[in-house]
């Protein structure tokens, strides 16, 4: 970046700082992206809110049950693999794997 580009960058930054009084000033935020403040204009009456809440609780309950089942299945599979490993470890003869060349 040349000196001219650096000077333009410094001017732009000073301009940005000059419009805001503090970092927490929300009136003069510079946003040029997609994300902006969310304005929720939708109001729910008590019946619709209760229905929404009921659906959310049911979804959470289903997801919690799924996670619990997944953890239990993982635990059982791990336990079975350990048992299988110990069984195979004790059932094999170690002398079969050692070469007779070193006796």
C-alpha atoms as a PDB file:
ATOM      1  CA  UNK A   1       0.000   0.000   0.000  1.00  0.00           C
ATOM      2  CA  UNK A   2       1.467   3.314  -1.003  1.00  0.00           C
ATOM      3  CA  UNK A   3       1.531   6.550   0.932  1.00  0.00           C
ATOM      4  CA  UNK A   4      -1.565   7.858  -0.852  1.00  0.00           C
ATOM      5  CA  UNK A   5      -3.589   4.784   0.071  1.00  0.00           C
ATOM      6  CA  UNK A   6      -2.387   5.037   3.650  1.00  0.00           C
ATOM      7  CA  UNK A   7      -3.443   8.697   3.860  1.00  0.00           C
ATOM      8  CA  UNK A   8      -6.912   7.844   2.519  1.00  0.00           C
ATOM      9  CA  UNK A   9      -7.239   5.048   5.062  1.00  0.00           C
ATOM     10  CA  UNK A  10      -6.280   7.379   7.922  1.00  0.00           C
ATOM     11  CA  UNK A  11      -8.780  10.023   6.730  1.00  0.00           C
ATOM     12  CA  UNK A  12     -11.536   7.427   6.477  1.00  0.00           C
ATOM     13  CA  UNK A  13     -10.822   6.137   9.983  1.00  0.00           C
ATOM     14  CA  UNK A  14     -10.802   9.656  11.444  1.00  0.00           C
ATOM     15  CA  UNK A  15     -14.108  10.341   9.710  1.00  0.00           C
ATOM     16  CA  UNK A  16     -15.586   7.176  11.182  1.00  0.00           C
ATOM     17  CA  UNK A  17     -14.414   8.094  14.681  1.00  0.00           C
ATOM     18  CA  UNK A  18     -15.602  11.670  14.352  1.00  0.00           C
ATOM     19  CA  UNK A  19     -19.244  10.749  13.837  1.00  0.00           C
ATOM     20  CA  UNK A  20     -19.461   8.514  16.881  1.00  0.00           C
ATOM     21  CA  UNK A  21     -19.071   9.894  20.360  1.00  0.00           C
ATOM     22  CA  UNK A  22     -18.372   6.521  22.006  1.00  0.00           C
ATOM     23  CA  UNK A  23     -17.994   2.958  20.822  1.00  0.00           C
ATOM     24  CA  UNK A  24     -21.364   2.140  22.349  1.00  0.00           C
ATOM     25  CA  UNK A  25     -23.260   4.831  20.441  1.00  0.00           C
ATOM     26  CA  UNK A  26     -25.928   3.008  18.466  1.00  0.00           C
ATOM     27  CA  UNK A  27     -27.181   6.000  16.492  1.00  0.00           C
ATOM     28  CA  UNK A  28     -24.183   6.277  14.203  1.00  0.00           C
ATOM     29  CA  UNK A  29     -23.149   2.722  13.571  1.00  0.00           C
ATOM     30  CA  UNK A  30     -21.590   2.019  10.214  1.00  0.00           C
ATOM     31  CA  UNK A  31     -23.063  -1.156   8.832  1.00  0.00           C
ATOM     32  CA  UNK A  32     -22.797  -2.012   5.214  1.00  0.00           C
ATOM     33  CA  UNK A  33     -23.307  -5.771   5.534  1.00  0.00           C
ATOM     34  CA  UNK A  34     -26.357  -7.943   5.683  1.00  0.00           C
ATOM     35  CA  UNK A  35     -26.602  -8.028   9.464  1.00  0.00           C
ATOM     36  CA  UNK A  36     -28.627  -5.227  10.987  1.00  0.00           C
ATOM     37  CA  UNK A  37     -30.697  -4.675  14.097  1.00  0.00           C
ATOM     38  CA  UNK A  38     -33.607  -7.076  14.300  1.00  0.00           C
ATOM     39  CA  UNK A  39     -36.955  -5.341  14.568  1.00  0.00           C
ATOM     40  CA  UNK A  40     -39.635  -7.780  15.641  1.00  0.00           C
ATOM     41  CA  UNK A  41     -43.002  -6.400  14.552  1.00  0.00           C
ATOM     42  CA  UNK A  42     -44.835  -9.659  15.133  1.00  0.00           C
ATOM     43  CA  UNK A  43     -46.932  -9.790  18.257  1.00  0.00           C
ATOM     44  CA  UNK A  44     -48.426 -12.995  19.533  1.00  0.00           C
ATOM     45  CA  UNK A  45     -51.563 -13.230  21.565  1.00  0.00           C
ATOM     46  CA  UNK A  46     -51.487 -15.464  24.626  1.00  0.00           C
ATOM     47  CA  UNK A  47     -53.056 -18.457  22.835  1.00  0.00           C
ATOM     48  CA  UNK A  48     -50.575 -18.350  19.943  1.00  0.00           C
ATOM     49  CA  UNK A  49     -47.676 -17.904  22.357  1.00  0.00           C
ATOM     50  CA  UNK A  50     -48.822 -20.891  24.430  1.00  0.00           C
ATOM     51  CA  UNK A  51     -49.051 -22.989  21.265  1.00  0.00           C
ATOM     52  CA  UNK A  52     -45.585 -21.855  20.161  1.00  0.00           C
ATOM     53  CA  UNK A  53     -44.183 -22.629  23.607  1.00  0.00           C
ATOM     54  CA  UNK A  54     -45.809 -26.074  23.606  1.00  0.00           C
ATOM     55  CA  UNK A  55     -44.234 -26.875  20.217  1.00  0.00           C
ATOM     56  CA  UNK A  56     -40.821 -25.737  21.440  1.00  0.00           C
ATOM     57  CA  UNK A  57     -41.059 -27.842  24.601  1.00  0.00           C
ATOM     58  CA  UNK A  58     -42.069 -30.891  22.560  1.00  0.00           C
ATOM     59  CA  UNK A  59     -39.147 -30.344  20.172  1.00  0.00           C
ATOM     60  CA  UNK A  60     -36.709 -29.989  23.074  1.00  0.00           C
ATOM     61  CA  UNK A  61     -38.081 -33.109  24.765  1.00  0.00           C
ATOM     62  CA  UNK A  62     -37.719 -35.111  21.548  1.00  0.00           C
ATOM     63  CA  UNK A  63     -34.171 -33.840  21.018  1.00  0.00           C
ATOM     64  CA  UNK A  64     -33.209 -34.573  24.641  1.00  0.00           C
ATOM     65  CA  UNK A  65     -34.547 -38.119  24.293  1.00  0.00           C
ATOM     66  CA  UNK A  66     -32.600 -38.592  21.046  1.00  0.00           C
ATOM     67  CA  UNK A  67     -29.368 -37.377  22.658  1.00  0.00           C
ATOM     68  CA  UNK A  68     -29.875 -39.660  25.651  1.00  0.00           C
ATOM     69  CA  UNK A  69     -30.469 -42.638  23.365  1.00  0.00           C
ATOM     70  CA  UNK A  70     -27.378 -41.781  21.333  1.00  0.00           C
ATOM     71  CA  UNK A  71     -25.214 -41.541  24.461  1.00  0.00           C
ATOM     72  CA  UNK A  72     -26.568 -44.839  25.782  1.00  0.00           C
ATOM     73  CA  UNK A  73     -25.932 -46.586  22.453  1.00  0.00           C
ATOM     74  CA  UNK A  74     -22.380 -45.215  22.351  1.00  0.00           C
ATOM     75  CA  UNK A  75     -21.761 -46.404  25.890  1.00  0.00           C
ATOM     76  CA  UNK A  76     -23.078 -49.924  25.122  1.00  0.00           C
ATOM     77  CA  UNK A  77     -21.033 -50.209  21.908  1.00  0.00           C
ATOM     78  CA  UNK A  78     -17.877 -49.036  23.693  1.00  0.00           C
ATOM     79  CA  UNK A  79     -18.452 -51.500  26.521  1.00  0.00           C
ATOM     80  CA  UNK A  80     -19.004 -54.353  24.047  1.00  0.00           C
ATOM     81  CA  UNK A  81     -15.832 -53.477  22.145  1.00  0.00           C
ATOM     82  CA  UNK A  82     -13.815 -53.508  25.361  1.00  0.00           C
ATOM     83  CA  UNK A  83     -15.262 -56.903  26.330  1.00  0.00           C
ATOM     84  CA  UNK A  84     -14.528 -58.245  22.836  1.00  0.00           C
ATOM     85  CA  UNK A  85     -10.956 -56.945  22.969  1.00  0.00           C
ATOM     86  CA  UNK A  86     -10.363 -58.553  26.376  1.00  0.00           C
ATOM     87  CA  UNK A  87     -11.866 -61.846  25.205  1.00  0.00           C
ATOM     88  CA  UNK A  88      -9.696 -61.919  22.082  1.00  0.00           C
ATOM     89  CA  UNK A  89      -6.637 -60.909  24.101  1.00  0.00           C
ATOM     90  CA  UNK A  90      -7.070 -63.846  26.486  1.00  0.00           C
ATOM     91  CA  UNK A  91      -8.096 -66.390  23.864  1.00  0.00           C
ATOM     92  CA  UNK A  92      -5.074 -66.010  21.573  1.00  0.00           C
ATOM     93  CA  UNK A  93      -1.820 -67.768  22.173  1.00  0.00           C
ATOM     94  CA  UNK A  94       1.005 -65.262  22.250  1.00  0.00           C
ATOM     95  CA  UNK A  95       3.593 -67.843  21.226  1.00  0.00           C
ATOM     96  CA  UNK A  96       2.003 -68.101  17.794  1.00  0.00           C
ATOM     97  CA  UNK A  97       3.044 -64.556  17.025  1.00  0.00           C
ATOM     98  CA  UNK A  98       6.647 -64.937  18.171  1.00  0.00           C
ATOM     99  CA  UNK A  99       9.089 -66.252  15.610  1.00  0.00           C
ATOM    100  CA  UNK A 100      10.892 -69.484  16.485  1.00  0.00           C
ATOM    101  CA  UNK A 101      14.000 -68.000  15.004  1.00  0.00           C
ATOM    102  CA  UNK A 102      14.844 -66.232  18.284  1.00  0.00           C
ATOM    103  CA  UNK A 103      14.531 -69.320  20.550  1.00  0.00           C
END
